Protein backbone atom coordinates (compact mmCIF):
# COMPACT_ATOMS: atom_id res chain seq x y z
CA MET A 1 -4.62 -13.10 -7.54
CA ASP A 2 -6.76 -13.88 -4.33
CA PHE A 3 -6.93 -11.60 -1.42
CA ALA A 4 -4.78 -13.86 0.73
CA ALA A 5 -1.89 -13.66 -1.91
CA ILE A 6 -2.35 -10.05 -2.06
CA ARG A 7 -2.19 -9.72 1.65
CA LEU A 8 0.87 -11.64 1.79
CA THR A 9 2.56 -9.72 -1.01
CA ILE A 10 1.79 -6.39 0.64
CA ARG A 11 2.99 -7.65 3.97
CA ARG A 12 6.36 -8.77 2.49
CA LYS A 13 6.71 -5.56 0.49
CA LEU A 14 6.08 -3.73 3.67
CA GLU A 15 8.68 -5.60 5.68
CA THR A 16 11.37 -5.15 2.91
CA ASP A 17 10.58 -1.30 2.50
CA ARG A 18 9.14 -1.70 -1.13
CA LEU A 19 6.02 -0.18 0.04
CA PRO A 20 6.04 2.78 2.79
CA ILE A 21 4.76 1.90 6.34
CA GLU A 22 3.89 5.63 7.01
CA LYS A 23 0.51 7.02 6.38
CA SER A 24 0.04 8.83 3.18
CA LYS A 25 -0.01 12.60 3.35
CA ARG A 26 -2.90 12.83 1.07
CA VAL A 27 -4.96 10.30 -0.93
CA LEU A 28 -6.74 10.96 -4.21
CA GLY A 29 -9.16 8.60 -5.88
CA ARG A 30 -9.39 8.80 -9.78
CA SER A 31 -9.94 6.82 -12.94
CA ALA A 32 -7.08 4.64 -13.76
CA SER A 33 -5.44 4.85 -17.22
CA GLY A 34 -3.53 1.53 -17.21
CA GLU A 35 -0.78 1.86 -14.78
CA ALA A 36 0.64 -0.81 -12.49
CA CYS A 37 -0.35 -1.34 -9.10
CA ASP A 38 2.29 -0.83 -6.63
CA ALA A 39 0.93 -3.30 -4.09
CA CYS A 40 0.00 -6.38 -6.32
CA ASP A 41 1.89 -5.53 -9.42
CA THR A 42 -0.94 -6.19 -11.81
CA THR A 43 -2.41 -3.42 -14.14
CA ILE A 44 -5.22 -1.30 -12.84
CA GLY A 45 -7.70 -1.31 -15.78
CA VAL A 46 -8.48 1.83 -17.83
CA GLY A 47 -11.72 3.12 -16.00
CA GLN A 48 -11.14 1.28 -12.78
CA LEU A 49 -10.67 3.30 -9.51
CA THR A 50 -7.11 3.94 -8.56
CA MET A 51 -5.93 5.26 -5.25
CA ASP A 52 -3.07 7.60 -5.32
CA GLY A 53 -1.28 7.98 -2.05
CA LEU A 54 1.26 10.79 -1.47
CA VAL A 55 3.94 9.84 0.85
CA ARG A 56 6.13 12.21 3.11
CA LYS A 57 9.54 11.24 2.01
CA PRO A 58 10.86 13.81 -0.37
CA GLY A 59 11.60 12.44 -3.78
CA ASN A 60 9.08 9.59 -3.77
CA ARG A 61 6.38 9.29 -6.38
CA ALA A 62 2.83 8.93 -5.37
CA LEU A 63 1.61 5.19 -4.70
CA GLN A 64 -0.68 3.79 -7.27
CA LEU A 65 -3.12 1.26 -5.70
CA HIS A 66 -6.21 -0.88 -6.58
CA LEU A 67 -8.98 0.36 -4.10
CA ARG A 68 -8.83 -3.07 -2.45
CA CYS A 69 -4.95 -3.06 -2.31
CA PHE A 70 -5.28 0.24 -0.72
CA GLU A 71 -7.52 -1.25 1.94
CA ILE A 72 -5.28 -4.11 2.57
CA TRP A 73 -2.05 -1.96 2.66
CA THR A 74 -3.70 0.25 5.21
CA GLN A 75 -4.74 -2.77 7.47
CA GLU A 76 -1.28 -4.47 6.92
CA ARG A 77 0.63 -1.22 7.66
CA LEU A 78 -1.19 -0.66 10.95
CA SER A 79 -0.92 -4.34 11.95
CA LEU A 80 2.83 -4.04 11.38
CA LEU A 81 3.28 -0.81 13.23
CA ARG A 82 1.17 -2.27 16.16
CA ALA A 83 3.37 -5.32 16.30
CA ARG A 84 6.61 -3.31 16.28
CA ALA A 85 5.24 -1.13 18.97
CA GLN A 86 4.39 -4.11 21.21
CA GLY A 87 7.93 -5.72 20.47
CA ALA A 88 9.57 -2.33 21.44
CA ALA A 89 7.49 -2.22 24.81
CA THR A 90 8.37 -5.58 25.70
CA ALA A 91 11.97 -5.19 25.08
């Protein structure tokens, strides 16, 4: 999957609450063991770096993302928050 497609997938997941828009409380990097990336839905290969993000909502499990997907999620999350704030300011 190319980066533009990943960015679009992440944006859609943020807009439909399938990915959290709030900042992770804590982020940990570790070696993956073959789990699925919550952003792009592909497998994070064994030995690849995975980013585990702990969200604030009780009961939610940690996000597991490829490093690049984590970076795109952060960019898209901030972009969406800015757009919502601008929309609220003009309303």
